[in-house]
Protein backbone atom coordinates (compact mmCIF):
# COMPACT_ATOMS: atom_id res chain seq x y z
CA MET A 1 -243.68 57.48 -73.30
CA SER A 2 -246.89 58.02 -71.23
CA ARG A 3 -249.22 55.33 -70.40
CA ASP A 4 -251.99 56.29 -72.80
CA ILE A 5 -249.50 55.40 -75.61
CA CYS A 6 -247.97 52.21 -74.25
CA SER A 7 -248.29 50.42 -70.90
CA PHE A 8 -245.29 48.97 -69.66
CA LEU A 9 -244.74 46.32 -67.01
CA SER A 10 -241.39 45.85 -64.77
CA PRO A 11 -238.61 43.97 -66.67
CA PRO A 12 -238.52 41.37 -67.95
CA SER A 13 -241.78 42.79 -69.47
CA LEU A 14 -243.32 40.17 -71.66
CA GLN A 15 -246.24 41.90 -73.10
CA PRO A 16 -248.74 41.35 -74.78
CA LEU A 17 -248.55 38.28 -72.91
CA ARG A 18 -250.85 39.25 -69.82
CA PHE A 19 -251.53 37.05 -66.92
CA PRO A 20 -253.46 35.27 -65.94
CA ILE A 21 -254.52 33.63 -69.38
CA THR A 22 -258.31 32.85 -69.16
CA SER A 23 -258.54 31.61 -72.96
CA LEU A 24 -256.64 30.51 -75.80
CA ARG A 25 -257.56 33.65 -77.70
CA ASP A 26 -255.97 35.61 -75.11
CA TRP A 27 -252.73 34.20 -76.00
CA LEU A 28 -253.29 33.91 -79.80
CA THR A 29 -254.60 37.39 -80.65
CA PRO A 30 -252.82 39.87 -78.71
CA LYS A 31 -255.02 43.11 -77.92
CA GLU A 32 -252.17 45.38 -77.56
CA LEU A 33 -248.57 45.09 -79.22
CA CYS A 34 -246.83 47.69 -76.94
CA HIS A 35 -244.13 46.17 -74.91
CA SER A 36 -240.86 46.98 -73.43
CA MET A 37 -239.06 43.81 -74.57
CA SER A 38 -235.49 43.96 -75.92
CA ASP A 39 -234.86 42.58 -79.31
CA LYS A 40 -233.31 39.24 -77.86
CA GLU A 41 -236.50 38.96 -75.45
CA LEU A 42 -238.83 39.67 -78.41
CA LEU A 43 -237.03 37.25 -80.86
CA TRP A 44 -237.07 34.59 -78.62
CA ARG A 45 -240.79 35.03 -77.91
CA ALA A 46 -241.66 35.31 -81.62
CA SER A 47 -239.76 32.14 -82.26
CA MET A 48 -242.09 29.90 -80.31
CA VAL A 49 -244.28 27.76 -82.63
CA PRO A 50 -246.65 25.15 -82.51
CA HIS A 51 -245.42 21.83 -83.87
CA ILE A 52 -249.39 20.88 -84.73
CA ASP A 53 -250.13 22.10 -88.10
CA GLU A 54 -253.94 22.05 -87.39
CA TYR A 55 -255.26 24.95 -85.29
CA PRO A 56 -257.95 24.05 -82.54
CA TYR A 57 -259.95 27.17 -83.33
CA ASN A 58 -261.29 28.85 -86.54
CA ARG A 59 -258.54 30.74 -88.10
CA THR A 60 -258.78 33.25 -90.71
CA PRO A 61 -255.33 34.18 -92.40
CA LYS A 62 -254.41 37.65 -92.10
CA GLY A 63 -251.56 39.70 -93.68
CA SER A 64 -249.29 42.19 -92.04
CA THR A 65 -248.02 44.91 -93.93
CA GLN A 66 -244.58 46.54 -92.47
CA SER A 67 -242.95 49.44 -93.55
CA THR A 68 -239.31 50.62 -92.53
CA SER A 69 -237.14 53.44 -93.32
CA THR A 70 -233.64 54.67 -92.38
CA GLY A 71 -233.22 57.14 -89.75
CA HIS A 72 -230.20 58.38 -87.62
CA ARG A 73 -229.68 61.91 -86.93
CA GLY A 74 -232.85 63.44 -85.43
CA PHE A 75 -234.33 60.05 -84.60
CA THR A 76 -237.14 60.30 -82.20
CA ASN A 77 -239.68 57.49 -80.67
CA LYS A 78 -242.48 59.70 -81.09
CA HIS A 79 -245.93 57.91 -81.40
CA PRO A 80 -248.22 58.57 -84.40
CA GLU A 81 -251.30 60.60 -83.43
CA SER A 82 -253.57 58.42 -85.83
CA PRO A 83 -255.87 56.36 -83.82
CA VAL A 84 -254.89 53.62 -86.26
CA PHE A 85 -251.55 53.26 -84.30
CA ASP A 86 -252.97 53.17 -80.74
CA GLU A 87 -251.64 50.26 -78.78
CA ARG A 88 -249.46 49.33 -82.08
CA GLN A 89 -246.13 51.03 -81.12
CA ILE A 90 -243.09 49.11 -81.87
CA PRO A 91 -240.08 49.99 -79.65
CA SER A 92 -237.68 51.41 -82.28
CA LYS A 93 -234.03 51.87 -82.41
CA PRO A 94 -232.11 54.04 -85.14
CA ALA A 95 -231.62 52.25 -88.48
CA GLU A 96 -228.84 53.22 -91.03
CA TRP A 97 -229.18 52.22 -94.67
CA GLY A 98 -226.70 49.51 -95.64
CA ARG A 99 -225.90 48.66 -92.05
CA ALA A 100 -226.72 45.60 -89.83
CA THR A 101 -229.18 47.97 -87.99
CA MET A 102 -231.47 47.95 -90.90
CA ILE A 103 -232.02 44.02 -90.60
CA ASP A 104 -232.50 44.36 -86.94
CA ALA A 105 -234.98 46.92 -87.57
CA GLU A 106 -236.66 44.38 -90.19
CA ARG A 107 -236.52 41.48 -87.95
CA ARG A 108 -238.08 43.54 -85.08
CA LEU A 109 -241.06 44.29 -87.45
CA LEU A 110 -241.60 40.69 -88.44
CA ALA A 111 -241.50 39.42 -84.66
CA ASN A 112 -243.86 41.84 -83.49
CA ALA A 113 -246.15 40.68 -86.22
CA LEU A 114 -245.69 36.94 -85.36
CA LEU A 115 -247.05 37.60 -82.05
CA ASP A 116 -250.34 37.42 -83.57
CA PHE A 117 -251.07 33.82 -84.56
CA SER A 118 -253.56 35.08 -87.12
CA ASN A 119 -250.87 36.74 -89.33
CA GLU A 120 -250.14 34.42 -91.96
CA ARG A 121 -248.31 36.54 -94.64
CA PHE A 122 -245.86 39.47 -94.11
CA VAL A 123 -245.07 42.13 -96.44
CA LEU A 124 -242.13 44.84 -96.09
CA LEU A 125 -242.70 48.05 -97.83
CA SER A 126 -241.24 51.56 -97.85
CA GLU A 127 -243.09 54.74 -97.40
CA THR A 128 -242.34 55.21 -100.95
CA CYS A 129 -244.45 52.19 -102.04
CA ILE A 130 -247.90 52.07 -103.47
CA PRO A 131 -250.27 49.11 -104.26
CA VAL A 132 -251.18 48.50 -107.87
CA PHE A 133 -254.23 46.10 -107.04
CA ASN A 134 -256.95 46.52 -104.68
CA PHE A 135 -256.96 44.61 -101.29
CA SER A 136 -258.88 41.89 -102.12
CA THR A 137 -256.66 41.02 -105.17
CA ILE A 138 -253.44 41.15 -102.89
CA TYR A 139 -254.82 39.27 -100.22
CA ASN A 140 -256.21 36.39 -102.57
CA TYR A 141 -252.71 36.31 -104.36
CA LEU A 142 -250.68 36.00 -101.28
CA THR A 143 -252.84 33.61 -99.23
CA ASN A 144 -253.36 31.42 -102.05
CA SER A 145 -249.54 31.23 -102.94
CA ASN A 146 -247.55 28.11 -101.84
CA GLN A 147 -244.30 30.15 -101.84
CA SER A 148 -242.71 33.39 -100.23
CA PHE A 149 -241.79 36.30 -102.42
CA LEU A 150 -237.99 37.23 -101.70
CA GLY A 151 -235.78 38.32 -104.72
CA SER A 152 -232.73 35.91 -104.49
CA PHE A 153 -230.17 35.43 -107.34
CA ASP A 154 -226.71 34.88 -107.99
CA ASP A 155 -225.20 37.99 -109.46
CA PRO A 156 -221.53 37.49 -110.87
CA ARG A 157 -220.93 41.19 -110.83
CA HIS A 158 -218.85 43.21 -108.60
CA THR A 159 -222.13 44.31 -106.87
CA GLY A 160 -223.07 40.82 -106.20
CA ARG A 161 -220.34 38.17 -105.75
CA GLY A 162 -217.88 41.00 -105.65
CA ARG A 163 -219.14 41.84 -102.16
CA TYR A 164 -218.62 38.35 -100.82
CA ASN A 165 -216.16 38.12 -97.86
CA LYS A 166 -213.96 35.14 -97.61
CA LYS A 167 -214.27 35.45 -93.97
CA MET A 168 -217.84 34.12 -93.95
CA ARG A 169 -216.66 30.70 -94.59
CA PRO A 170 -217.34 27.90 -93.78
CA ALA A 171 -220.81 29.12 -92.71
CA VAL A 172 -221.41 31.00 -95.93
CA THR A 173 -219.64 30.13 -99.18
CA LEU A 174 -219.51 31.90 -102.52
CA SER A 175 -221.82 29.45 -103.86
CA ASP A 176 -224.34 30.17 -101.09
CA TRP A 177 -224.10 33.98 -101.81
CA ARG A 178 -227.45 35.80 -103.09
CA LYS A 179 -228.41 39.09 -103.88
CA GLY A 180 -232.33 40.35 -103.72
CA SER A 181 -234.53 43.37 -103.06
CA GLN A 182 -234.77 44.74 -99.46
CA TRP A 183 -238.78 44.75 -100.10
CA PHE A 184 -240.10 41.29 -99.57
CA GLU A 185 -243.02 39.14 -98.78
CA ALA A 186 -242.71 36.06 -96.55
CA HIS A 187 -245.07 32.89 -95.63
CA ARG A 188 -245.46 32.54 -91.81
CA LYS A 189 -243.14 29.52 -91.78
CA VAL A 190 -240.48 31.51 -93.59
CA ALA A 191 -240.79 34.44 -91.69
CA ILE A 192 -240.08 32.34 -88.10
CA GLU A 193 -236.94 31.26 -89.64
CA MET A 194 -236.10 34.68 -90.72
CA ILE A 195 -236.24 36.02 -86.98
CA SER A 196 -234.80 32.65 -85.31
CA ASP A 197 -231.66 32.54 -87.08
CA VAL A 198 -228.63 32.59 -84.75
CA LYS A 199 -225.93 30.85 -87.02
CA TYR A 200 -225.89 33.13 -89.97
CA HIS A 201 -226.82 36.50 -88.72
CA PRO A 202 -223.47 37.16 -86.81
CA VAL A 203 -221.46 36.05 -89.73
CA PHE A 204 -223.23 38.60 -92.01
CA ARG A 205 -223.07 41.30 -88.96
CA ASP A 206 -219.33 41.00 -88.75
CA HIS A 207 -218.16 40.30 -92.34
CA CYS A 208 -221.09 42.25 -94.65
CA ARG A 209 -220.35 45.88 -94.01
CA PRO A 210 -220.29 48.74 -96.79
CA PRO A 211 -219.65 48.28 -99.86
CA CYS A 212 -221.33 45.06 -98.92
CA TYR A 213 -224.99 46.19 -97.89
CA MET A 214 -226.51 43.50 -95.47
CA ASP A 215 -230.05 44.21 -96.47
CA GLU A 216 -229.42 43.17 -100.10
CA HIS A 217 -227.75 39.64 -99.22
CA TYR A 218 -228.83 38.65 -95.74
CA PHE A 219 -232.34 37.44 -96.23
CA PRO A 220 -231.78 36.14 -99.96
CA THR A 221 -228.84 33.93 -98.81
CA LEU A 222 -230.56 32.70 -95.63
CA VAL A 223 -233.92 31.67 -97.24
CA THR A 224 -231.91 30.09 -100.29
CA LYS A 225 -230.00 28.03 -97.75
CA ILE A 226 -232.89 26.83 -95.35
CA LEU A 227 -236.16 27.14 -97.25
CA PRO A 228 -235.43 27.01 -100.67
CA GLU A 229 -238.44 25.21 -101.92
CA MET A 230 -240.77 27.91 -100.19
CA ASN A 231 -239.48 30.74 -101.95
CA SER A 232 -240.22 32.17 -105.80
CA ASN A 233 -237.00 34.07 -105.94
CA ARG A 234 -238.70 36.88 -107.18
CA SER A 235 -240.15 40.06 -105.57
CA ILE A 236 -243.60 41.59 -105.91
CA THR A 237 -242.53 45.21 -105.49
CA TRP A 238 -241.69 46.70 -108.76
CA VAL A 239 -238.90 49.25 -109.19
CA ASP A 240 -237.10 50.74 -112.13
CA TRP A 241 -233.20 50.39 -112.10
CA SER A 242 -232.77 51.30 -115.65
CA GLY A 243 -231.02 54.59 -114.81
CA GLY A 244 -227.89 52.56 -112.98
CA GLY A 245 -226.62 53.74 -109.75
CA SER A 246 -227.17 52.89 -106.16
CA HIS A 247 -230.85 53.79 -106.19
CA PRO A 248 -233.92 53.13 -108.47
CA ARG A 249 -235.79 56.02 -110.29
CA ARG A 250 -238.08 58.19 -108.34
CA PHE A 251 -241.40 58.87 -109.95
CA VAL A 252 -242.90 62.26 -109.61
CA ARG A 253 -246.40 63.98 -110.47
CA LYS A 254 -245.94 64.00 -114.35
CA ASP A 255 -244.95 60.36 -114.35
CA VAL A 256 -248.26 59.03 -113.20
CA SER A 257 -250.78 57.77 -115.67
CA GLU A 258 -253.31 55.01 -115.98
CA ALA A 259 -251.04 53.46 -118.88
CA PHE A 260 -247.91 53.56 -116.83
CA LEU A 261 -249.61 51.82 -113.83
CA ASN A 262 -251.18 49.11 -116.17
CA GLN A 263 -247.81 48.42 -117.65
CA ILE A 264 -246.76 47.38 -114.20
CA ARG A 265 -249.87 45.40 -113.44
CA ASN A 266 -249.76 43.41 -116.54
CA GLY A 267 -246.77 44.20 -118.52
CA PHE A 268 -244.42 41.14 -117.29
CA LYS A 269 -244.53 37.48 -117.21
CA CYS A 270 -243.61 35.33 -114.26
CA THR A 271 -244.57 32.04 -112.56
CA TYR A 272 -247.17 31.44 -109.60
CA ASN A 273 -247.85 28.35 -108.17
CA GLY A 274 -246.09 26.31 -111.10
CA GLY A 275 -248.17 28.45 -113.95
CA ILE A 276 -247.60 31.57 -115.99
CA THR A 277 -249.29 34.69 -115.10
CA SER A 278 -249.06 38.40 -115.89
CA VAL A 279 -249.72 39.39 -112.45
CA CYS A 280 -246.35 39.63 -111.00
CA PHE A 281 -246.11 42.80 -109.03
CA LEU A 282 -248.52 43.86 -106.39
CA PHE A 283 -246.55 47.00 -105.21
CA ALA A 284 -244.35 49.64 -106.98
CA ARG A 285 -242.01 52.11 -105.97
CA LYS A 286 -240.28 54.95 -105.67
CA PHE A 287 -243.25 57.58 -105.51
CA HIS A 288 -242.76 61.25 -104.59
CA PRO A 289 -245.25 62.82 -102.39
CA SER A 290 -246.32 64.67 -105.46
CA THR A 291 -247.62 61.62 -106.96
CA LEU A 292 -250.38 61.49 -104.29
CA ASP A 293 -253.04 63.53 -106.08
CA PRO A 294 -252.73 61.80 -109.58
CA LEU A 295 -252.82 58.52 -107.95
CA LEU A 296 -256.05 59.14 -106.12
CA ARG A 297 -257.67 60.39 -109.23
CA ILE A 298 -256.77 57.29 -111.07
CA ALA A 299 -257.06 54.74 -108.00
CA PRO A 300 -261.02 54.49 -107.90
CA GLY A 301 -261.57 53.12 -111.51
CA LEU A 302 -258.21 51.35 -111.63
CA LEU A 303 -258.49 49.37 -108.44
CA GLY A 304 -262.34 48.94 -108.87
CA PHE A 305 -263.66 51.11 -106.18
CA ARG A 306 -266.55 52.30 -108.25
CA SER A 307 -269.70 50.18 -108.76
């Protein structure tokens, strides 16, 4: 990787913490996220947190949106050409669907985002996700929430409890076992625990293998065990599982309409900060690239871009 993409230091390279640090801001808001840290170094670095809740500076909470997808054969570490990603390349490794490497990728994304102390909320999406509300609505919904949004429920079926491995005892019992969506949103305090766990991760890595899919069980079980009061036990990414099978329905061009999107936006009831709301989903998936044109035509009016 060339220097103009990412400047590396000699190991152990702990960028973006540059020396000498002349101000608190140099440490709190990294100017570059490029680094050559190993996963072990990165998770250790990101797990460092202040124990005083009141920040000694004016802090505007930010949201960090992360995206992950599987990639094995033909995997490359090519840097995107868009200037949006300048100095934002995260060292990557192959990730396989249903394997521990997918969780490793998600924790890597969270840890990199945690390096910026301004990031308060963390959203994991896929490349097939779309927003169904505008940015300000999504930002206010998340920053004003007193809980995270990780789907977590006790599924008695063979695709739920049936995947539990007795070898996980005593760290994880059957009553602890939870299932949920891979696509989540987490408060900073929850995200820190998600990347700091060294007790349960090895248990899942060793004993949750296909047909047990770690990305559907590890985080839901972990958060339910250690921070249940900070989780709403629901996802904010809508999907259609009505067709059955291992994957949700994929939407194509002919499926997209304003009525369809409004049904996702306001067609459900859920709890939010102790009350009932019809705004339950902020994102939706699984959308084929052919939906881009109709989505762009609908978006200005639907999301309020027009004055």
